[in-house]
N, C-alpha and C. Protein backbone atom coordinates (compact mmCIF):
# COMPACT_ATOMS: atom_id res chain seq x y z
N UNK A 1 -61.71 21.92 -16.79
CA UNK A 1 -61.08 20.69 -17.26
C UNK A 1 -60.39 20.92 -18.61
N UNK A 2 -60.96 21.83 -19.40
CA UNK A 2 -60.39 22.15 -20.70
C UNK A 2 -58.96 22.69 -20.53
N UNK A 3 -58.75 23.54 -19.52
CA UNK A 3 -57.43 24.12 -19.28
C UNK A 3 -56.44 23.07 -18.80
N UNK A 4 -56.92 22.11 -18.05
CA UNK A 4 -56.06 21.02 -17.57
C UNK A 4 -55.52 20.23 -18.76
N UNK A 5 -56.40 19.83 -19.68
CA UNK A 5 -55.96 19.06 -20.85
C UNK A 5 -55.05 19.88 -21.76
N UNK A 6 -55.35 21.15 -21.88
CA UNK A 6 -54.51 22.02 -22.70
C UNK A 6 -53.11 22.13 -22.06
N UNK A 7 -53.05 22.31 -20.75
CA UNK A 7 -51.77 22.41 -20.05
C UNK A 7 -50.98 21.11 -20.16
N UNK A 8 -51.65 19.99 -19.99
CA UNK A 8 -50.99 18.69 -20.13
C UNK A 8 -50.49 18.51 -21.56
N UNK A 9 -51.29 18.88 -22.54
CA UNK A 9 -50.90 18.76 -23.94
C UNK A 9 -49.70 19.62 -24.28
N UNK A 10 -49.71 20.86 -23.81
CA UNK A 10 -48.58 21.76 -24.07
C UNK A 10 -47.32 21.24 -23.38
N UNK A 11 -47.46 20.81 -22.15
CA UNK A 11 -46.31 20.27 -21.41
C UNK A 11 -45.74 19.05 -22.12
N UNK A 12 -46.60 18.16 -22.57
CA UNK A 12 -46.16 16.96 -23.30
C UNK A 12 -45.48 17.34 -24.61
N UNK A 13 -46.03 18.30 -25.33
CA UNK A 13 -45.43 18.74 -26.59
C UNK A 13 -44.04 19.33 -26.36
N UNK A 14 -43.89 20.13 -25.32
CA UNK A 14 -42.58 20.72 -25.01
C UNK A 14 -41.59 19.62 -24.65
N UNK A 15 -42.03 18.65 -23.87
CA UNK A 15 -41.16 17.53 -23.48
C UNK A 15 -40.71 16.75 -24.71
N UNK A 16 -41.62 16.46 -25.61
CA UNK A 16 -41.27 15.72 -26.83
C UNK A 16 -40.32 16.54 -27.70
N UNK A 17 -40.57 17.83 -27.80
CA UNK A 17 -39.69 18.70 -28.57
C UNK A 17 -38.28 18.71 -27.99
N UNK A 18 -38.16 18.78 -26.67
CA UNK A 18 -36.84 18.73 -26.03
C UNK A 18 -36.14 17.41 -26.29
N UNK A 19 -36.88 16.31 -26.27
CA UNK A 19 -36.29 15.00 -26.57
C UNK A 19 -35.77 14.94 -28.00
N UNK A 20 -36.53 15.48 -28.93
CA UNK A 20 -36.11 15.49 -30.33
C UNK A 20 -34.86 16.35 -30.51
N UNK A 21 -34.86 17.53 -29.91
CA UNK A 21 -33.68 18.41 -29.99
C UNK A 21 -32.47 17.73 -29.37
N UNK A 22 -32.67 17.09 -28.22
CA UNK A 22 -31.56 16.39 -27.55
C UNK A 22 -31.01 15.29 -28.44
N UNK A 23 -31.88 14.54 -29.06
CA UNK A 23 -31.43 13.44 -29.94
C UNK A 23 -30.64 13.98 -31.13
N UNK A 24 -31.14 15.03 -31.74
CA UNK A 24 -30.45 15.65 -32.87
C UNK A 24 -29.10 16.19 -32.41
N UNK A 25 -29.08 16.86 -31.27
CA UNK A 25 -27.83 17.43 -30.75
C UNK A 25 -26.81 16.36 -30.46
N UNK A 26 -27.25 15.26 -29.87
CA UNK A 26 -26.31 14.22 -29.47
C UNK A 26 -25.79 13.41 -30.65
N UNK A 27 -26.57 13.30 -31.71
CA UNK A 27 -26.13 12.53 -32.87
C UNK A 27 -25.56 13.40 -33.97
N UNK A 28 -25.45 14.66 -33.70
CA UNK A 28 -24.94 15.61 -34.66
C UNK A 28 -23.43 15.46 -34.77
N UNK A 29 -22.91 15.44 -35.95
CA UNK A 29 -21.46 15.33 -36.12
C UNK A 29 -21.00 13.89 -36.01
N UNK A 30 -19.73 13.73 -35.79
CA UNK A 30 -19.13 12.39 -35.76
C UNK A 30 -19.42 11.68 -34.44
N UNK A 31 -19.92 10.46 -34.56
CA UNK A 31 -20.19 9.62 -33.40
C UNK A 31 -19.43 8.32 -33.60
N UNK A 32 -18.69 7.90 -32.58
CA UNK A 32 -17.92 6.65 -32.63
C UNK A 32 -18.53 5.65 -31.65
N UNK A 33 -18.12 4.40 -31.79
CA UNK A 33 -18.58 3.35 -30.87
C UNK A 33 -17.40 2.87 -30.03
N UNK A 34 -17.55 3.00 -28.73
CA UNK A 34 -16.56 2.50 -27.79
C UNK A 34 -17.01 1.13 -27.31
N UNK A 35 -16.12 0.15 -27.36
CA UNK A 35 -16.41 -1.21 -26.92
C UNK A 35 -15.62 -1.48 -25.63
N UNK A 36 -16.34 -1.70 -24.55
CA UNK A 36 -15.72 -2.01 -23.26
C UNK A 36 -16.31 -3.31 -22.73
N UNK A 37 -15.75 -3.81 -21.63
CA UNK A 37 -16.25 -5.03 -21.00
C UNK A 37 -16.84 -4.70 -19.64
N UNK A 38 -18.01 -5.27 -19.34
CA UNK A 38 -18.62 -5.07 -18.03
C UNK A 38 -18.04 -6.09 -17.05
N UNK A 39 -18.43 -6.05 -15.77
CA UNK A 39 -17.86 -6.97 -14.78
C UNK A 39 -18.08 -8.45 -15.10
N UNK A 40 -19.10 -8.76 -15.92
CA UNK A 40 -19.35 -10.16 -16.31
C UNK A 40 -18.61 -10.51 -17.60
N UNK A 41 -17.71 -9.62 -18.04
CA UNK A 41 -16.95 -9.80 -19.28
C UNK A 41 -17.82 -9.75 -20.53
N UNK A 42 -18.97 -9.10 -20.42
CA UNK A 42 -19.85 -8.91 -21.58
C UNK A 42 -19.47 -7.61 -22.26
N UNK A 43 -19.50 -7.63 -23.57
CA UNK A 43 -19.15 -6.45 -24.36
C UNK A 43 -20.28 -5.41 -24.30
N UNK A 44 -19.90 -4.16 -24.05
CA UNK A 44 -20.85 -3.06 -24.00
C UNK A 44 -20.41 -2.02 -25.02
N UNK A 45 -21.35 -1.59 -25.86
CA UNK A 45 -21.06 -0.58 -26.87
C UNK A 45 -21.70 0.74 -26.45
N UNK A 46 -20.89 1.80 -26.47
CA UNK A 46 -21.35 3.13 -26.09
C UNK A 46 -21.04 4.09 -27.23
N UNK A 47 -22.03 4.85 -27.65
CA UNK A 47 -21.81 5.86 -28.69
C UNK A 47 -21.34 7.16 -28.03
N UNK A 48 -20.24 7.70 -28.55
CA UNK A 48 -19.63 8.89 -27.97
C UNK A 48 -19.11 9.82 -29.07
N UNK A 49 -18.85 11.04 -28.66
CA UNK A 49 -18.16 11.98 -29.54
C UNK A 49 -16.67 11.79 -29.39
N UNK A 50 -15.93 12.21 -30.39
CA UNK A 50 -14.48 12.06 -30.40
C UNK A 50 -13.86 13.31 -31.01
N UNK A 51 -12.70 13.68 -30.50
CA UNK A 51 -11.90 14.74 -31.11
C UNK A 51 -10.47 14.25 -31.25
N UNK A 52 -9.75 14.88 -32.16
CA UNK A 52 -8.35 14.56 -32.39
C UNK A 52 -7.50 15.73 -31.92
N UNK A 53 -6.35 15.40 -31.32
CA UNK A 53 -5.41 16.44 -30.90
C UNK A 53 -4.01 15.85 -30.89
N UNK A 54 -3.13 16.47 -31.61
CA UNK A 54 -1.71 16.06 -31.66
C UNK A 54 -1.56 14.58 -32.00
N UNK A 55 -2.35 14.10 -32.96
CA UNK A 55 -2.24 12.73 -33.42
C UNK A 55 -2.92 11.68 -32.56
N UNK A 56 -3.59 12.10 -31.49
CA UNK A 56 -4.29 11.17 -30.62
C UNK A 56 -5.79 11.46 -30.65
N UNK A 57 -6.58 10.45 -30.29
CA UNK A 57 -8.03 10.58 -30.21
C UNK A 57 -8.43 10.71 -28.75
N UNK A 58 -9.47 11.53 -28.53
CA UNK A 58 -9.96 11.76 -27.17
C UNK A 58 -11.47 11.59 -27.10
N UNK A 59 -11.89 10.91 -26.05
CA UNK A 59 -13.29 10.81 -25.68
C UNK A 59 -13.47 11.66 -24.44
N UNK A 60 -14.72 11.94 -24.07
CA UNK A 60 -14.93 12.74 -22.86
C UNK A 60 -16.16 12.25 -22.12
N UNK A 61 -15.95 11.92 -20.86
CA UNK A 61 -17.07 11.59 -19.98
C UNK A 61 -17.56 12.89 -19.37
N UNK A 62 -18.82 13.19 -19.52
CA UNK A 62 -19.38 14.41 -18.96
C UNK A 62 -19.43 14.37 -17.45
N UNK A 63 -19.43 13.16 -16.92
CA UNK A 63 -19.56 12.96 -15.48
C UNK A 63 -18.54 11.89 -15.05
N UNK A 64 -17.78 12.11 -13.99
CA UNK A 64 -16.82 11.10 -13.54
C UNK A 64 -17.46 9.78 -13.15
N UNK A 65 -18.78 9.75 -12.98
CA UNK A 65 -19.49 8.53 -12.61
C UNK A 65 -20.07 7.79 -13.82
N UNK A 66 -19.82 8.26 -15.04
CA UNK A 66 -20.36 7.59 -16.23
C UNK A 66 -19.94 6.12 -16.24
N UNK A 67 -20.87 5.26 -16.58
CA UNK A 67 -20.60 3.81 -16.54
C UNK A 67 -19.50 3.39 -17.51
N UNK A 68 -19.45 3.98 -18.70
CA UNK A 68 -18.41 3.58 -19.64
C UNK A 68 -17.03 3.95 -19.10
N UNK A 69 -16.93 5.05 -18.38
CA UNK A 69 -15.66 5.45 -17.77
C UNK A 69 -15.28 4.49 -16.65
N UNK A 70 -16.26 4.05 -15.87
CA UNK A 70 -15.99 3.07 -14.81
C UNK A 70 -15.47 1.76 -15.42
N UNK A 71 -16.03 1.36 -16.55
CA UNK A 71 -15.56 0.13 -17.21
C UNK A 71 -14.12 0.30 -17.70
N UNK A 72 -13.78 1.50 -18.17
CA UNK A 72 -12.40 1.75 -18.60
C UNK A 72 -11.45 1.69 -17.41
N UNK A 73 -11.88 2.24 -16.30
CA UNK A 73 -11.01 2.20 -15.11
C UNK A 73 -10.80 0.78 -14.62
N UNK A 74 -11.73 -0.12 -14.92
CA UNK A 74 -11.56 -1.53 -14.57
C UNK A 74 -10.70 -2.28 -15.57
N UNK A 75 -10.69 -1.81 -16.82
CA UNK A 75 -9.94 -2.48 -17.88
C UNK A 75 -9.60 -1.44 -18.95
N UNK A 76 -8.36 -1.03 -18.99
CA UNK A 76 -7.94 0.05 -19.89
C UNK A 76 -7.82 -0.38 -21.34
N UNK A 77 -8.01 -1.65 -21.62
CA UNK A 77 -7.96 -2.15 -22.99
C UNK A 77 -9.36 -2.03 -23.60
N UNK A 78 -9.48 -1.25 -24.68
CA UNK A 78 -10.78 -1.00 -25.31
C UNK A 78 -10.66 -1.14 -26.82
N UNK A 79 -11.81 -1.17 -27.46
CA UNK A 79 -11.87 -1.09 -28.92
C UNK A 79 -12.71 0.12 -29.27
N UNK A 80 -12.38 0.73 -30.41
CA UNK A 80 -13.14 1.87 -30.88
C UNK A 80 -13.43 1.67 -32.36
N UNK A 81 -14.69 1.88 -32.73
CA UNK A 81 -15.07 1.83 -34.14
C UNK A 81 -15.28 3.26 -34.61
N UNK A 82 -14.48 3.63 -35.60
CA UNK A 82 -14.55 4.97 -36.17
C UNK A 82 -14.46 4.86 -37.68
N UNK A 83 -15.37 5.48 -38.37
CA UNK A 83 -15.42 5.41 -39.84
C UNK A 83 -15.46 3.97 -40.33
N UNK A 84 -16.17 3.12 -39.61
CA UNK A 84 -16.34 1.73 -40.02
C UNK A 84 -15.17 0.82 -39.70
N UNK A 85 -14.11 1.35 -39.12
CA UNK A 85 -12.93 0.56 -38.79
C UNK A 85 -12.80 0.41 -37.28
N UNK A 86 -12.63 -0.84 -36.82
CA UNK A 86 -12.49 -1.11 -35.39
C UNK A 86 -11.03 -1.41 -35.07
N UNK A 87 -10.51 -0.69 -34.07
CA UNK A 87 -9.11 -0.87 -33.66
C UNK A 87 -9.04 -0.99 -32.15
N UNK A 88 -7.95 -1.58 -31.67
CA UNK A 88 -7.73 -1.74 -30.23
C UNK A 88 -6.86 -0.59 -29.71
N UNK A 89 -7.18 -0.19 -28.47
CA UNK A 89 -6.49 0.92 -27.84
C UNK A 89 -6.26 0.64 -26.37
N UNK A 90 -5.31 1.38 -25.82
CA UNK A 90 -5.19 1.50 -24.38
C UNK A 90 -5.72 2.89 -24.04
N UNK A 91 -6.66 2.93 -23.11
CA UNK A 91 -7.27 4.20 -22.71
C UNK A 91 -6.52 4.78 -21.52
N UNK A 92 -6.28 6.07 -21.55
CA UNK A 92 -5.58 6.76 -20.47
C UNK A 92 -6.42 7.96 -20.04
N UNK A 93 -6.80 7.99 -18.79
CA UNK A 93 -7.57 9.12 -18.26
C UNK A 93 -6.62 10.32 -18.17
N UNK A 94 -7.05 11.46 -18.76
CA UNK A 94 -6.19 12.65 -18.82
C UNK A 94 -6.93 13.89 -18.31
N UNK A 95 -7.19 13.91 -17.02
CA UNK A 95 -7.89 15.05 -16.42
C UNK A 95 -7.13 16.35 -16.65
N UNK A 96 -5.81 16.26 -16.76
CA UNK A 96 -4.98 17.44 -17.00
C UNK A 96 -5.28 18.12 -18.33
N UNK A 97 -5.95 17.42 -19.25
CA UNK A 97 -6.28 17.97 -20.57
C UNK A 97 -7.74 18.41 -20.67
N UNK A 98 -8.42 18.47 -19.53
CA UNK A 98 -9.86 18.77 -19.51
C UNK A 98 -10.20 20.05 -20.28
N UNK A 99 -9.53 21.14 -20.00
CA UNK A 99 -9.86 22.42 -20.64
C UNK A 99 -9.66 22.34 -22.16
N UNK A 100 -8.57 21.76 -22.57
CA UNK A 100 -8.28 21.65 -24.02
C UNK A 100 -9.32 20.77 -24.72
N UNK A 101 -9.63 19.61 -24.15
CA UNK A 101 -10.58 18.70 -24.79
C UNK A 101 -11.99 19.31 -24.76
N UNK A 102 -12.35 19.97 -23.69
CA UNK A 102 -13.65 20.66 -23.65
C UNK A 102 -13.73 21.69 -24.77
N UNK A 103 -12.65 22.44 -24.98
CA UNK A 103 -12.63 23.46 -26.03
C UNK A 103 -12.73 22.82 -27.41
N UNK A 104 -11.99 21.73 -27.63
CA UNK A 104 -12.04 21.05 -28.93
C UNK A 104 -13.43 20.45 -29.20
N UNK A 105 -14.04 19.88 -28.17
CA UNK A 105 -15.39 19.33 -28.33
C UNK A 105 -16.38 20.46 -28.67
N UNK A 106 -16.26 21.59 -28.00
CA UNK A 106 -17.15 22.72 -28.26
C UNK A 106 -16.97 23.24 -29.69
N UNK A 107 -15.73 23.29 -30.17
CA UNK A 107 -15.47 23.74 -31.54
C UNK A 107 -16.03 22.76 -32.57
N UNK A 108 -15.86 21.48 -32.32
CA UNK A 108 -16.28 20.47 -33.29
C UNK A 108 -17.80 20.26 -33.30
N UNK A 109 -18.40 20.22 -32.12
CA UNK A 109 -19.82 19.87 -32.02
C UNK A 109 -20.73 21.09 -31.78
N UNK A 110 -20.17 22.26 -31.73
CA UNK A 110 -20.84 23.57 -31.65
C UNK A 110 -22.07 23.55 -30.73
N UNK A 111 -23.24 23.88 -31.28
CA UNK A 111 -24.43 24.03 -30.44
C UNK A 111 -24.84 22.71 -29.79
N UNK A 112 -24.48 21.58 -30.39
CA UNK A 112 -24.80 20.29 -29.79
C UNK A 112 -24.08 20.11 -28.46
N UNK A 113 -22.84 20.55 -28.41
CA UNK A 113 -22.08 20.47 -27.16
C UNK A 113 -22.67 21.40 -26.11
N UNK A 114 -23.06 22.59 -26.53
CA UNK A 114 -23.68 23.54 -25.59
C UNK A 114 -25.00 23.01 -25.05
N UNK A 115 -25.79 22.40 -25.93
CA UNK A 115 -27.08 21.84 -25.50
C UNK A 115 -26.86 20.69 -24.53
N UNK A 116 -25.89 19.85 -24.84
CA UNK A 116 -25.58 18.72 -23.96
C UNK A 116 -25.15 19.21 -22.58
N UNK A 117 -24.35 20.28 -22.56
CA UNK A 117 -23.92 20.84 -21.29
C UNK A 117 -25.12 21.41 -20.52
N UNK A 118 -26.04 22.03 -21.24
CA UNK A 118 -27.25 22.55 -20.61
C UNK A 118 -28.03 21.43 -19.92
N UNK A 119 -28.10 20.26 -20.57
CA UNK A 119 -28.84 19.13 -20.01
C UNK A 119 -28.12 18.46 -18.85
N UNK A 120 -26.78 18.35 -18.98
CA UNK A 120 -26.05 17.56 -17.98
C UNK A 120 -25.26 18.39 -16.97
N UNK A 121 -25.21 19.67 -17.15
CA UNK A 121 -24.48 20.50 -16.20
C UNK A 121 -23.11 20.89 -16.70
N UNK A 122 -22.35 21.48 -15.84
CA UNK A 122 -21.05 22.03 -16.17
C UNK A 122 -20.06 20.98 -16.67
N UNK A 123 -19.09 21.44 -17.44
CA UNK A 123 -18.00 20.58 -17.92
C UNK A 123 -16.80 20.63 -16.96
N UNK A 124 -16.97 21.29 -15.83
CA UNK A 124 -15.86 21.45 -14.87
C UNK A 124 -15.35 20.12 -14.34
N UNK A 125 -16.17 19.08 -14.39
CA UNK A 125 -15.77 17.76 -13.88
C UNK A 125 -15.68 16.72 -14.99
N UNK A 126 -15.68 17.18 -16.24
CA UNK A 126 -15.56 16.25 -17.38
C UNK A 126 -14.23 15.50 -17.29
N UNK A 127 -14.23 14.28 -17.83
CA UNK A 127 -13.03 13.45 -17.77
C UNK A 127 -12.62 13.04 -19.18
N UNK A 128 -11.55 13.64 -19.71
CA UNK A 128 -11.05 13.24 -21.02
C UNK A 128 -10.33 11.89 -20.95
N UNK A 129 -10.49 11.13 -22.01
CA UNK A 129 -9.82 9.83 -22.12
C UNK A 129 -9.04 9.82 -23.43
N UNK A 130 -7.74 9.63 -23.30
CA UNK A 130 -6.83 9.60 -24.43
C UNK A 130 -6.67 8.16 -24.90
N UNK A 131 -6.70 7.94 -26.21
CA UNK A 131 -6.59 6.59 -26.76
C UNK A 131 -5.24 6.40 -27.45
N UNK A 132 -4.56 5.31 -27.06
CA UNK A 132 -3.27 4.95 -27.67
C UNK A 132 -3.46 3.65 -28.44
N UNK A 133 -3.28 3.73 -29.76
CA UNK A 133 -3.49 2.56 -30.62
C UNK A 133 -2.49 1.46 -30.29
N UNK A 134 -2.99 0.23 -30.31
CA UNK A 134 -2.13 -0.93 -30.03
C UNK A 134 -1.55 -1.53 -31.30
N UNK A 135 -2.10 -1.19 -32.45
CA UNK A 135 -1.55 -1.76 -33.68
C UNK A 135 -0.95 -0.72 -34.56
């Protein structure tokens, strides 16, 4: 019975350690807030990473089924809070920029991006979203 409790304790400790590392990795670096609307027209806030390229901002869905991406596909008008400032944008899905945005995310978020990929799988199906400011 002693070995059972020890095994459970070690397994639990490893699980907690992975959760802590994941949290640190995901909140490491710049995190922005994306504001979208759900089917009931309720505002949903999602924390995401952002990169800049050629004067535009890009978000990236790790999975084409991500809920925030589905909300964008239903309504391309979004708000983004970055550095304490909230602005309105039109979101444009840019799968053609996947490799470039994946590379920029990896450069900016370093080991955090690698850890996130380890948890969620390959970036081969990631979906970049380009933001065009309305004001």
